[in-house]
Amino acid sequence: MKRNNQQPATSNQRQATSNDRVFIAVGSNLGDRVAWLRQAQKKLFSAPTVQLVAASAVYETEPVGKIDQPAFLNQVIEVRTPLVPEDLLARLLQVERVLGRVRNERWGPRNIDLDLLAFGDRIFKTSRLVLPHPELHRRRFVLQPWAEIAPEFIVPGFSVTVEKLFENCEDNNRVQKIERQNYLGQNH
């Protein structure tokens, strides 16, 4: 799927509004994967600056990039926040650090991974952050859970819905729903 050449819709430094739909991918493939997902969400939502709106089911997925590693558990969550994108990214990286995430190799095994997928209608690139996430259209493990909670969301830069990106995704890796409950104890 080709991205169009739109200019950024909004400034990275503009404060988020209640209309901004913000999506985060959560994943783990080391140790007690369920516990890592639970801990990451509890830490992320422990401050009032990030609030849960919706959470997909949890999916077990094959690794991408480096395939000789354990399977992942993945989930997509929608949040509400007054933070600007780079401040939210800093919060995600802080949660990863607190939980002991070590970045030794690209696409390597990890106890926790928090990726900012999309932040409202914003399209931009900084030295630390690209929005929307530049690989999301190639990753079934992101698109399938995302389509579960926001199939109608139009992904900036692609000008199509999450559901359409999922339908057109060429990634054939296994993505299997294993858990219907998010890890804050709320059923969806």
Protein backbone atom coordinates (compact mmCIF):
# COMPACT_ATOMS: atom_id res chain seq x y z
CA MET A 1 0.00 0.00 0.00
CA LYS A 2 1.49 3.34 -0.98
CA ARG A 3 1.42 6.31 1.31
CA ASN A 4 0.46 9.62 -0.16
CA ASN A 5 2.77 12.63 0.08
CA GLN A 6 0.66 14.73 2.41
CA GLN A 7 2.30 17.39 4.48
CA PRO A 8 1.87 17.13 8.23
CA ALA A 9 -1.75 17.71 9.16
CA THR A 10 -0.85 19.24 12.49
CA SER A 11 2.15 20.29 14.51
CA ASN A 12 3.85 17.76 16.74
CA GLN A 13 3.81 20.29 19.56
CA ARG A 14 0.06 21.00 19.42
CA GLN A 15 -1.61 19.83 22.61
CA ALA A 16 -3.82 16.80 22.13
CA THR A 17 -7.56 17.37 22.03
CA SER A 18 -10.38 15.15 23.17
CA ASN A 19 -10.96 14.37 19.47
CA ASP A 20 -7.48 12.91 18.96
CA ARG A 21 -7.67 9.13 18.74
CA VAL A 22 -4.37 7.71 19.95
CA PHE A 23 -3.37 4.07 19.40
CA ILE A 24 -0.56 2.08 21.01
CA ALA A 25 0.65 -1.46 20.25
CA VAL A 26 1.66 -3.51 23.31
CA GLY A 27 3.72 -6.68 22.97
CA SER A 28 5.87 -9.18 24.83
CA ASN A 29 7.69 -12.42 24.00
CA LEU A 30 9.84 -13.14 27.07
CA GLY A 31 9.01 -14.66 30.42
CA ASP A 32 5.45 -14.34 31.70
CA ARG A 33 4.09 -12.46 28.70
CA VAL A 34 0.66 -11.97 30.27
CA ALA A 35 2.22 -10.43 33.38
CA TRP A 36 4.33 -8.06 31.26
CA LEU A 37 1.25 -6.83 29.38
CA ARG A 38 -0.60 -6.31 32.67
CA GLN A 39 2.30 -4.47 34.28
CA ALA A 40 2.84 -2.22 31.26
CA GLN A 41 -0.80 -1.15 31.20
CA LYS A 42 -0.92 -0.58 34.95
CA LYS A 43 2.23 1.58 34.78
CA LEU A 44 1.01 3.46 31.71
CA PHE A 45 -2.35 4.28 33.28
CA SER A 46 -0.99 4.98 36.77
CA ALA A 47 -0.78 8.70 35.98
CA PRO A 48 -3.90 10.66 34.99
CA THR A 49 -2.22 11.88 31.77
CA VAL A 50 -3.01 8.63 29.92
CA GLN A 51 -6.47 7.06 30.09
CA LEU A 52 -7.71 3.85 28.49
CA VAL A 53 -10.49 4.20 25.93
CA ALA A 54 -10.52 0.69 24.42
CA ALA A 55 -8.40 -2.46 24.33
CA SER A 56 -8.37 -5.26 21.80
CA ALA A 57 -8.24 -8.90 22.68
CA VAL A 58 -4.76 -10.37 23.14
CA TYR A 59 -3.27 -12.26 20.20
CA GLU A 60 -0.42 -14.73 20.01
CA THR A 61 1.70 -13.96 16.96
CA GLU A 62 4.76 -15.17 15.14
CA PRO A 63 7.82 -12.93 15.40
CA VAL A 64 8.63 -10.62 12.48
CA GLY A 65 12.14 -9.69 11.36
CA LYS A 66 14.10 -12.10 13.56
CA ILE A 67 12.13 -15.33 13.50
CA ASP A 68 14.25 -17.54 15.79
CA GLN A 69 12.66 -16.32 19.01
CA PRO A 70 9.53 -17.05 21.08
CA ALA A 71 6.04 -16.08 19.91
CA PHE A 72 4.65 -12.73 20.99
CA LEU A 73 1.51 -11.69 22.77
CA ASN A 74 0.20 -8.51 21.14
CA GLN A 75 -2.62 -6.10 21.80
CA VAL A 76 -3.65 -2.64 20.58
CA ILE A 77 -5.08 -0.05 22.93
CA GLU A 78 -6.73 3.29 22.32
CA VAL A 79 -5.92 6.01 24.83
CA ARG A 80 -6.87 9.58 25.59
CA THR A 81 -4.13 11.99 26.63
CA PRO A 82 -3.40 15.73 26.82
CA LEU A 83 0.27 14.98 26.07
CA VAL A 84 1.89 15.91 22.76
CA PRO A 85 3.19 12.92 20.76
CA GLU A 86 6.84 13.20 21.82
CA ASP A 87 5.84 13.46 25.49
CA LEU A 88 3.65 10.37 25.12
CA LEU A 89 6.55 8.56 23.45
CA ALA A 90 8.74 9.55 26.41
CA ARG A 91 6.11 8.09 28.76
CA LEU A 92 6.04 4.82 26.77
CA LEU A 93 9.84 4.55 26.85
CA GLN A 94 9.82 5.30 30.59
CA VAL A 95 7.37 2.43 31.20
CA GLU A 96 9.60 0.12 29.15
CA ARG A 97 12.68 1.17 31.16
CA VAL A 98 10.91 0.74 34.51
CA LEU A 99 9.93 -2.78 33.46
CA GLY A 100 13.53 -3.57 32.52
CA ARG A 101 13.35 -3.48 28.71
CA VAL A 102 16.82 -3.86 27.21
CA ARG A 103 17.39 -2.94 23.56
CA ASN A 104 20.25 -5.20 22.44
CA GLU A 105 19.23 -5.98 18.88
CA ARG A 106 16.69 -4.77 16.36
CA TRP A 107 13.64 -7.05 16.27
CA GLY A 108 15.14 -9.11 19.09
CA PRO A 109 13.28 -10.70 21.99
CA ARG A 110 11.79 -8.31 24.54
CA ASN A 111 9.86 -8.49 27.75
CA ILE A 112 7.79 -5.44 26.78
CA ASP A 113 7.33 -3.30 23.70
CA LEU A 114 5.15 -0.18 23.49
CA ASP A 115 4.82 1.41 20.03
CA LEU A 116 2.89 4.57 19.24
CA LEU A 117 0.91 3.72 16.09
CA ALA A 118 -1.13 6.83 15.35
CA PHE A 119 -1.94 10.11 17.08
CA GLY A 120 -5.12 11.61 15.66
CA ASP A 121 -4.65 12.98 12.16
CA ARG A 122 -0.99 13.86 12.64
CA ILE A 123 1.61 13.00 10.02
CA PHE A 124 5.17 13.93 10.84
CA LYS A 125 8.71 12.78 11.32
CA THR A 126 11.18 13.84 13.96
CA SER A 127 14.52 12.34 14.96
CA ARG A 128 12.73 10.26 17.63
CA LEU A 129 9.28 9.61 16.24
CA VAL A 130 7.50 8.94 12.94
CA LEU A 131 3.70 9.06 12.82
CA PRO A 132 1.87 7.09 11.83
CA HIS A 133 4.21 4.19 12.61
CA PRO A 134 6.08 3.57 9.33
CA GLU A 135 5.65 -0.23 9.31
CA LEU A 136 2.07 -0.60 10.56
CA HIS A 137 0.61 -1.42 7.13
CA ARG A 138 2.96 -4.42 6.84
CA ARG A 139 2.15 -5.96 10.23
CA ARG A 140 -0.84 -8.24 10.63
CA PHE A 141 -0.06 -8.52 14.36
CA VAL A 142 -0.85 -4.80 14.65
CA LEU A 143 -3.66 -4.48 12.13
CA GLN A 144 -5.80 -7.41 13.28
CA PRO A 145 -6.17 -6.26 16.92
CA TRP A 146 -6.42 -2.63 15.81
CA ALA A 147 -9.23 -3.46 13.38
CA GLU A 148 -11.06 -5.09 16.27
CA ILE A 149 -11.32 -1.82 18.24
CA ALA A 150 -11.23 0.86 15.51
CA PRO A 151 -11.94 -0.57 12.05
CA GLU A 152 -13.29 2.77 10.81
CA PHE A 153 -10.28 4.88 11.88
CA ILE A 154 -8.74 6.51 8.80
CA VAL A 155 -4.98 6.16 9.10
CA PRO A 156 -3.23 9.45 8.28
CA GLY A 157 -0.98 9.26 5.24
CA PHE A 158 -2.74 6.16 3.94
CA SER A 159 -6.18 7.75 3.60
CA VAL A 160 -7.89 4.40 4.21
CA THR A 161 -9.35 2.73 7.26
CA VAL A 162 -7.56 0.31 9.57
CA GLU A 163 -9.94 -2.37 8.31
CA LYS A 164 -8.91 -1.74 4.69
CA LEU A 165 -5.20 -1.84 5.61
CA PHE A 166 -5.84 -5.15 7.40
CA GLU A 167 -7.70 -6.58 4.40
CA ASN A 168 -4.83 -5.58 2.07
CA CYS A 169 -1.98 -6.63 4.38
CA GLU A 170 0.42 -9.04 2.67
CA ASP A 171 1.83 -10.36 5.97
CA ASN A 172 0.71 -13.99 6.29
CA ASN A 173 2.19 -14.69 9.73
CA ARG A 174 -0.02 -16.45 12.26
CA VAL A 175 -2.09 -14.12 14.45
CA GLN A 176 -4.38 -16.00 16.82
CA LYS A 177 -6.78 -14.48 19.34
CA ILE A 178 -6.14 -16.04 22.73
CA GLU A 179 -7.66 -13.71 25.28
CA ARG A 180 -10.84 -11.68 25.16
CA GLN A 181 -10.20 -9.68 28.34
CA ASN A 182 -7.81 -6.76 28.55
CA TYR A 183 -5.39 -6.76 31.42
CA LEU A 184 -7.02 -4.11 33.53
CA GLY A 185 -9.89 -6.47 34.26
CA GLN A 186 -12.36 -4.90 31.85
CA ASN A 187 -14.18 -7.12 29.40
CA HIS A 188 -14.65 -6.06 25.80
